[in-house]
Every structure is written in C-alpha cells, then in structure tokens.
Amino acid sequence: MKAKRVILAVAITALVVTVILISLQAYYVAIALAVGTLIMGHREVWSLIRRRKLPVIDERVRENVSKSVRNGFIFLAVAIVLLMLPFSVFVIETPSTVHVLGGLFLFGGLVYLLSYLFYDRAGPKLSERSYKMLKIFLVVAGISVGVFIISVFLHNAISGLFKIEEPVFFAIAVFIAPLGLTVGLVGSLVIFIRGLLT
C-alpha cells in the first residue's frame, strides 16, 4: 500500500512539474523529465501495462531501488558541482539552462536504470574476477574524467596567466583522457552486458 502511494505521488508530481515546464515553454526539460520518470518507474509501468497490477516489492527490490536512487543522486550532485565550477565556461560556450537541465534529468534516469539492472541482474551473475575487472574499468573511466577536467582547467589557467599556448595539458585533455574514458566505458559495458545475458 505504501509503495502505491509513493508511486502515485511521484507520478502526480512529475505530471504537475511537466505541465509547468510546458507552460514555461521549456519543452526539452519537460520531455527529459517525463522520460527520466518513466525510466525510473520502468518496472512498475511495465507491470501495470502487462498485468494491470504493481510488481511485488520485496526486501531485495527495496535494497536495489535504494542503491539505485543513491547512485542517481550521487551522479546528479557531482554533475551539478562540475557544472558550477568556473572552468565549465571554457568547456561549454554559453550553456543553455534548458539543455543542461534536460540532460541532467535524462542521464539521472539512465544512471538509475543501469544501476538497478546491475544490482538486480548483472551483479548476482558476475564472478569474482569479472567483478574486479568491472571495478578496474570503472575506476579507469572515472580517473579519465577527472584528468580531463583538471587538464582543461590547467591548460586554460596557464594559457590565460602566461599568454602562451600550453601543449602538454591540451594533449592530455584531447587525446589521453578520452582514450582512457573510451577503454573504461567499453570494458565495463562488455562485462555489464555479459552479466545481463548470463
């Protein structure tokens, strides 16, 4: 009963916010919010369409949902902090608030969905070795993102302070960091998908 109330409250809140965003002509954010909400409630929506009732919510489902919500919140917090840093102006020229909010909603929903799929299906199927490899690939991807951000900041700071074109941090930001991110993401996705299909 409590789960039904929570789902109904989330759906009504998302609908009201979507209507407000449409009235403000922020269509991109409204669509992103609606899609993000549907992604977060994919189990419930799918069960309502197929069986006309909510899925069973046991202890395992509650734990998976809480971990997934935690991951989505951490992602949104980190993304907002990075967008508020001063050097983000150098990375994104005149970012539109509508596009940034829309992207945050979509990616937040995607992080939740992937986290839930991992905890519900991929995680229990992974061997100890695969789990360690997944952690390594994710750490490589995270370090690459950090190296990219620091390199862009240092490149812009050195170029601005000394009025010279600085090549080292530029090369790291353009070539090395994206390569590490690609390796980390592709490797983790391969292990993730293999865990889903096992």
C-alpha atoms as a PDB file:
ATOM      1  CA  MET A   1       0.000   0.000   0.000  1.00  0.00           C
ATOM      2  CA  LYS A   2       2.830   2.374   0.882  1.00  0.00           C
ATOM      3  CA  ALA A   3       4.555   1.626  -2.455  1.00  0.00           C
ATOM      4  CA  LYS A   4       1.379   2.508  -4.361  1.00  0.00           C
ATOM      5  CA  ARG A   5       1.169   5.858  -2.587  1.00  0.00           C
ATOM      6  CA  VAL A   6       4.829   6.657  -3.296  1.00  0.00           C
ATOM      7  CA  ILE A   7       4.470   5.736  -6.989  1.00  0.00           C
ATOM      8  CA  LEU A   8       1.251   7.771  -7.263  1.00  0.00           C
ATOM      9  CA  ALA A   9       2.881  10.774  -5.542  1.00  0.00           C
ATOM     10  CA  VAL A  10       5.929  10.625  -7.846  1.00  0.00           C
ATOM     11  CA  ALA A  11       3.708  10.323 -10.946  1.00  0.00           C
ATOM     12  CA  ILE A  12       1.480  13.250  -9.921  1.00  0.00           C
ATOM     13  CA  THR A  13       4.474  15.429  -9.012  1.00  0.00           C
ATOM     14  CA  ALA A  14       6.194  14.649 -12.322  1.00  0.00           C
ATOM     15  CA  LEU A  15       2.960  15.416 -14.214  1.00  0.00           C
ATOM     16  CA  VAL A  16       2.475  18.772 -12.435  1.00  0.00           C
ATOM     17  CA  VAL A  17       6.137  19.780 -12.977  1.00  0.00           C
ATOM     18  CA  THR A  18       5.902  18.704 -16.637  1.00  0.00           C
ATOM     19  CA  VAL A  19       2.780  20.851 -17.162  1.00  0.00           C
ATOM     20  CA  ILE A  20       4.534  23.824 -15.509  1.00  0.00           C
ATOM     21  CA  LEU A  21       7.603  23.336 -17.728  1.00  0.00           C
ATOM     22  CA  ILE A  22       5.421  23.146 -20.857  1.00  0.00           C
ATOM     23  CA  SER A  23       3.657  26.368 -19.826  1.00  0.00           C
ATOM     24  CA  LEU A  24       7.093  27.988 -19.473  1.00  0.00           C
ATOM     25  CA  GLN A  25       7.944  26.663 -22.981  1.00  0.00           C
ATOM     26  CA  ALA A  26      10.791  24.546 -21.613  1.00  0.00           C
ATOM     27  CA  TYR A  27       9.785  21.634 -23.824  1.00  0.00           C
ATOM     28  CA  TYR A  28      13.187  19.943 -23.797  1.00  0.00           C
ATOM     29  CA  VAL A  29      13.263  19.779 -19.984  1.00  0.00           C
ATOM     30  CA  ALA A  30       9.625  18.612 -19.854  1.00  0.00           C
ATOM     31  CA  ILE A  31      10.313  15.733 -22.256  1.00  0.00           C
ATOM     32  CA  ALA A  32      13.509  14.831 -20.391  1.00  0.00           C
ATOM     33  CA  LEU A  33      11.694  14.863 -17.027  1.00  0.00           C
ATOM     34  CA  ALA A  34       8.874  12.666 -18.369  1.00  0.00           C
ATOM     35  CA  VAL A  35      11.321  10.189 -19.943  1.00  0.00           C
ATOM     36  CA  GLY A  36      13.501  10.164 -16.805  1.00  0.00           C
ATOM     37  CA  THR A  37      10.463   9.444 -14.616  1.00  0.00           C
ATOM     38  CA  LEU A  38       9.333   6.635 -16.932  1.00  0.00           C
ATOM     39  CA  ILE A  39      12.845   5.147 -16.867  1.00  0.00           C
ATOM     40  CA  MET A  40      12.900   5.263 -13.054  1.00  0.00           C
ATOM     41  CA  GLY A  41       9.482   3.584 -12.868  1.00  0.00           C
ATOM     42  CA  HIS A  42      10.123   1.086 -15.666  1.00  0.00           C
ATOM     43  CA  ARG A  43       9.278  -1.951 -13.505  1.00  0.00           C
ATOM     44  CA  GLU A  44       6.014  -0.512 -12.273  1.00  0.00           C
ATOM     45  CA  VAL A  45       4.919   0.838 -15.678  1.00  0.00           C
ATOM     46  CA  TRP A  46       5.727  -2.458 -17.408  1.00  0.00           C
ATOM     47  CA  SER A  47       3.865  -4.462 -14.756  1.00  0.00           C
ATOM     48  CA  LEU A  48       0.819  -2.160 -14.924  1.00  0.00           C
ATOM     49  CA  ILE A  49       0.710  -2.496 -18.728  1.00  0.00           C
ATOM     50  CA  ARG A  50       1.106  -6.309 -18.738  1.00  0.00           C
ATOM     51  CA  ARG A  51      -0.657  -7.457 -15.564  1.00  0.00           C
ATOM     52  CA  ARG A  52      -2.691  -4.402 -14.516  1.00  0.00           C
ATOM     53  CA  LYS A  53      -1.127  -4.516 -11.043  1.00  0.00           C
ATOM     54  CA  LEU A  54       2.073  -3.375  -9.365  1.00  0.00           C
ATOM     55  CA  PRO A  55       5.007  -5.775  -9.175  1.00  0.00           C
ATOM     56  CA  VAL A  56       5.890  -7.480  -5.921  1.00  0.00           C
ATOM     57  CA  ILE A  57       8.161  -5.269  -3.838  1.00  0.00           C
ATOM     58  CA  ASP A  58      10.183  -7.479  -1.528  1.00  0.00           C
ATOM     59  CA  GLU A  59      13.333  -6.793   0.502  1.00  0.00           C
ATOM     60  CA  ARG A  60      15.647  -7.419  -2.478  1.00  0.00           C
ATOM     61  CA  VAL A  61      13.740  -4.963  -4.680  1.00  0.00           C
ATOM     62  CA  ARG A  62      13.762  -2.330  -1.918  1.00  0.00           C
ATOM     63  CA  GLU A  63      17.513  -2.718  -1.494  1.00  0.00           C
ATOM     64  CA  ASN A  64      18.121  -2.486  -5.258  1.00  0.00           C
ATOM     65  CA  VAL A  65      15.929   0.606  -5.544  1.00  0.00           C
ATOM     66  CA  SER A  66      17.640   2.331  -2.606  1.00  0.00           C
ATOM     67  CA  LYS A  67      21.103   1.642  -4.053  1.00  0.00           C
ATOM     68  CA  SER A  68      19.997   2.853  -7.489  1.00  0.00           C
ATOM     69  CA  VAL A  69      18.471   6.045  -6.063  1.00  0.00           C
ATOM     70  CA  ARG A  70      21.731   6.629  -4.157  1.00  0.00           C
ATOM     71  CA  ASN A  71      23.757   6.262  -7.371  1.00  0.00           C
ATOM     72  CA  GLY A  72      21.429   8.587  -9.279  1.00  0.00           C
ATOM     73  CA  PHE A  73      21.640  11.198  -6.501  1.00  0.00           C
ATOM     74  CA  ILE A  74      25.449  10.982  -6.400  1.00  0.00           C
ATOM     75  CA  PHE A  75      25.567  11.389 -10.188  1.00  0.00           C
ATOM     76  CA  LEU A  76      23.286  14.458 -10.117  1.00  0.00           C
ATOM     77  CA  ALA A  77      25.241  16.029  -7.226  1.00  0.00           C
ATOM     78  CA  VAL A  78      28.613  15.518  -8.947  1.00  0.00           C
ATOM     79  CA  ALA A  79      27.258  16.749 -12.298  1.00  0.00           C
ATOM     80  CA  ILE A  80      25.799  19.904 -10.734  1.00  0.00           C
ATOM     81  CA  VAL A  81      29.054  20.630  -8.874  1.00  0.00           C
ATOM     82  CA  LEU A  82      31.061  20.221 -12.097  1.00  0.00           C
ATOM     83  CA  LEU A  83      28.666  22.488 -13.990  1.00  0.00           C
ATOM     84  CA  MET A  84      29.006  25.161 -11.313  1.00  0.00           C
ATOM     85  CA  LEU A  85      32.808  25.210 -11.419  1.00  0.00           C
ATOM     86  CA  PRO A  86      34.204  28.329 -13.086  1.00  0.00           C
ATOM     87  CA  PHE A  87      36.116  26.473 -15.780  1.00  0.00           C
ATOM     88  CA  SER A  88      32.870  24.996 -17.143  1.00  0.00           C
ATOM     89  CA  VAL A  89      32.518  28.285 -19.036  1.00  0.00           C
ATOM     90  CA  PHE A  90      35.630  27.335 -21.018  1.00  0.00           C
ATOM     91  CA  VAL A  91      34.377  23.823 -21.717  1.00  0.00           C
ATOM     92  CA  ILE A  92      30.848  24.777 -22.792  1.00  0.00           C
ATOM     93  CA  GLU A  93      30.374  28.087 -24.534  1.00  0.00           C
ATOM     94  CA  THR A  94      27.212  29.801 -23.221  1.00  0.00           C
ATOM     95  CA  PRO A  95      25.404  26.680 -21.970  1.00  0.00           C
ATOM     96  CA  SER A  96      21.618  26.832 -22.136  1.00  0.00           C
ATOM     97  CA  THR A  97      19.974  26.116 -18.778  1.00  0.00           C
ATOM     98  CA  VAL A  98      17.176  24.239 -20.543  1.00  0.00           C
ATOM     99  CA  HIS A  99      19.584  21.866 -22.280  1.00  0.00           C
ATOM    100  CA  VAL A 100      21.662  21.342 -19.140  1.00  0.00           C
ATOM    101  CA  LEU A 101      18.587  20.516 -17.016  1.00  0.00           C
ATOM    102  CA  GLY A 102      17.200  18.236 -19.703  1.00  0.00           C
ATOM    103  CA  GLY A 103      20.495  16.380 -19.973  1.00  0.00           C
ATOM    104  CA  LEU A 104      20.714  16.023 -16.179  1.00  0.00           C
ATOM    105  CA  PHE A 105      17.208  14.542 -15.952  1.00  0.00           C
ATOM    106  CA  LEU A 106      17.854  12.082 -18.785  1.00  0.00           C
ATOM    107  CA  PHE A 107      21.258  10.975 -17.536  1.00  0.00           C
ATOM    108  CA  GLY A 108      19.998  10.767 -13.940  1.00  0.00           C
ATOM    109  CA  GLY A 109      17.253   8.388 -15.076  1.00  0.00           C
ATOM    110  CA  LEU A 110      19.753   6.399 -17.137  1.00  0.00           C
ATOM    111  CA  VAL A 111      22.152   6.064 -14.179  1.00  0.00           C
ATOM    112  CA  TYR A 112      19.235   4.832 -12.054  1.00  0.00           C
ATOM    113  CA  LEU A 113      18.175   2.287 -14.705  1.00  0.00           C
ATOM    114  CA  LEU A 114      21.687   0.921 -15.260  1.00  0.00           C
ATOM    115  CA  SER A 115      22.274   0.732 -11.503  1.00  0.00           C
ATOM    116  CA  TYR A 116      19.034  -1.154 -10.962  1.00  0.00           C
ATOM    117  CA  LEU A 117      19.805  -3.574 -13.798  1.00  0.00           C
ATOM    118  CA  PHE A 118      23.266  -4.148 -12.332  1.00  0.00           C
ATOM    119  CA  TYR A 119      22.088  -4.794  -8.768  1.00  0.00           C
ATOM    120  CA  ASP A 120      19.092  -6.846  -9.903  1.00  0.00           C
ATOM    121  CA  ARG A 121      20.500  -8.927 -12.767  1.00  0.00           C
ATOM    122  CA  ALA A 122      24.160  -8.366 -13.652  1.00  0.00           C
ATOM    123  CA  GLY A 123      25.662  -8.238 -10.151  1.00  0.00           C
ATOM    124  CA  PRO A 124      24.491 -11.664  -8.942  1.00  0.00           C
ATOM    125  CA  LYS A 125      25.713 -13.295 -12.178  1.00  0.00           C
ATOM    126  CA  LEU A 126      29.257 -11.871 -12.197  1.00  0.00           C
ATOM    127  CA  SER A 127      32.151 -13.988 -10.998  1.00  0.00           C
ATOM    128  CA  GLU A 128      34.692 -12.553  -8.564  1.00  0.00           C
ATOM    129  CA  ARG A 129      37.184 -11.965 -11.393  1.00  0.00           C
ATOM    130  CA  SER A 130      34.587 -10.218 -13.591  1.00  0.00           C
ATOM    131  CA  TYR A 131      33.511  -8.044 -10.670  1.00  0.00           C
ATOM    132  CA  LYS A 132      37.128  -6.945 -10.049  1.00  0.00           C
ATOM    133  CA  MET A 133      37.607  -6.217 -13.768  1.00  0.00           C
ATOM    134  CA  LEU A 134      34.402  -4.157 -13.802  1.00  0.00           C
ATOM    135  CA  LYS A 135      35.661  -2.107 -10.849  1.00  0.00           C
ATOM    136  CA  ILE A 136      39.010  -1.550 -12.594  1.00  0.00           C
ATOM    137  CA  PHE A 137      37.339  -0.371 -15.816  1.00  0.00           C
ATOM    138  CA  LEU A 138      35.025   1.972 -13.905  1.00  0.00           C
ATOM    139  CA  VAL A 139      37.968   3.416 -11.953  1.00  0.00           C
ATOM    140  CA  VAL A 140      39.848   3.980 -15.243  1.00  0.00           C
ATOM    141  CA  ALA A 141      36.796   5.795 -16.668  1.00  0.00           C
ATOM    142  CA  GLY A 142      36.414   7.926 -13.530  1.00  0.00           C
ATOM    143  CA  ILE A 143      40.107   8.840 -13.415  1.00  0.00           C
ATOM    144  CA  SER A 144      39.975   9.763 -17.115  1.00  0.00           C
ATOM    145  CA  VAL A 145      37.091  12.162 -16.498  1.00  0.00           C
ATOM    146  CA  GLY A 146      38.987  13.737 -13.583  1.00  0.00           C
ATOM    147  CA  VAL A 147      42.182  14.027 -15.644  1.00  0.00           C
ATOM    148  CA  PHE A 148      40.215  15.662 -18.476  1.00  0.00           C
ATOM    149  CA  ILE A 149      38.657  18.263 -16.164  1.00  0.00           C
ATOM    150  CA  ILE A 150      41.957  19.065 -14.420  1.00  0.00           C
ATOM    151  CA  SER A 151      43.822  19.244 -17.749  1.00  0.00           C
ATOM    152  CA  VAL A 152      41.277  21.642 -19.266  1.00  0.00           C
ATOM    153  CA  PHE A 153      41.408  23.819 -16.158  1.00  0.00           C
ATOM    154  CA  LEU A 154      45.236  23.868 -16.051  1.00  0.00           C
ATOM    155  CA  HIS A 155      45.522  24.457 -19.802  1.00  0.00           C
ATOM    156  CA  ASN A 156      43.161  27.438 -19.628  1.00  0.00           C
ATOM    157  CA  ALA A 157      44.781  28.791 -16.455  1.00  0.00           C
ATOM    158  CA  ILE A 158      48.357  28.569 -17.828  1.00  0.00           C
ATOM    159  CA  SER A 159      47.326  29.980 -21.209  1.00  0.00           C
ATOM    160  CA  GLY A 160      45.446  32.834 -19.544  1.00  0.00           C
ATOM    161  CA  LEU A 161      48.130  33.700 -16.999  1.00  0.00           C
ATOM    162  CA  PHE A 162      51.229  33.481 -19.183  1.00  0.00           C
ATOM    163  CA  LYS A 163      49.624  34.361 -22.562  1.00  0.00           C
ATOM    164  CA  ILE A 164      51.169  31.286 -24.202  1.00  0.00           C
ATOM    165  CA  GLU A 165      49.688  28.242 -25.894  1.00  0.00           C
ATOM    166  CA  GLU A 166      50.303  25.364 -23.477  1.00  0.00           C
ATOM    167  CA  PRO A 167      50.603  21.995 -25.336  1.00  0.00           C
ATOM    168  CA  VAL A 168      51.026  19.331 -22.607  1.00  0.00           C
ATOM    169  CA  PHE A 169      47.692  19.623 -20.802  1.00  0.00           C
ATOM    170  CA  PHE A 170      45.968  20.260 -24.129  1.00  0.00           C
ATOM    171  CA  ALA A 171      47.289  16.921 -25.473  1.00  0.00           C
ATOM    172  CA  ILE A 172      46.237  15.134 -22.271  1.00  0.00           C
ATOM    173  CA  ALA A 173      42.721  16.603 -22.458  1.00  0.00           C
ATOM    174  CA  VAL A 174      42.276  15.950 -26.188  1.00  0.00           C
ATOM    175  CA  PHE A 175      43.959  12.563 -26.675  1.00  0.00           C
ATOM    176  CA  ILE A 176      44.873  10.665 -23.486  1.00  0.00           C
ATOM    177  CA  ALA A 177      41.820  11.322 -21.273  1.00  0.00           C
ATOM    178  CA  PRO A 178      39.226  10.464 -23.981  1.00  0.00           C
ATOM    179  CA  LEU A 179      41.172   7.292 -24.811  1.00  0.00           C
ATOM    180  CA  GLY A 180      41.140   6.207 -21.149  1.00  0.00           C
ATOM    181  CA  LEU A 181      37.424   7.044 -20.874  1.00  0.00           C
ATOM    182  CA  THR A 182      36.658   5.005 -24.006  1.00  0.00           C
ATOM    183  CA  VAL A 183      38.635   1.994 -22.729  1.00  0.00           C
ATOM    184  CA  GLY A 184      36.946   2.205 -19.315  1.00  0.00           C
ATOM    185  CA  LEU A 185      33.419   2.564 -20.694  1.00  0.00           C
ATOM    186  CA  VAL A 186      33.739  -0.108 -23.383  1.00  0.00           C
ATOM    187  CA  GLY A 187      35.316  -2.604 -20.961  1.00  0.00           C
ATOM    188  CA  SER A 188      32.723  -2.019 -18.246  1.00  0.00           C
ATOM    189  CA  LEU A 189      29.855  -2.200 -20.757  1.00  0.00           C
ATOM    190  CA  VAL A 190      31.138  -5.517 -22.129  1.00  0.00           C
ATOM    191  CA  ILE A 191      31.304  -7.014 -18.622  1.00  0.00           C
ATOM    192  CA  PHE A 192      27.930  -5.492 -17.703  1.00  0.00           C
ATOM    193  CA  ILE A 193      26.180  -6.887 -20.806  1.00  0.00           C
ATOM    194  CA  ARG A 194      27.793 -10.297 -20.334  1.00  0.00           C
ATOM    195  CA  GLY A 195      26.433 -10.302 -16.769  1.00  0.00           C
ATOM    196  CA  LEU A 196      22.955  -9.422 -18.050  1.00  0.00           C
ATOM    197  CA  LEU A 197      22.996 -12.190 -20.663  1.00  0.00           C
ATOM    198  CA  THR A 198      24.368 -14.895 -18.351  1.00  0.00           C
END
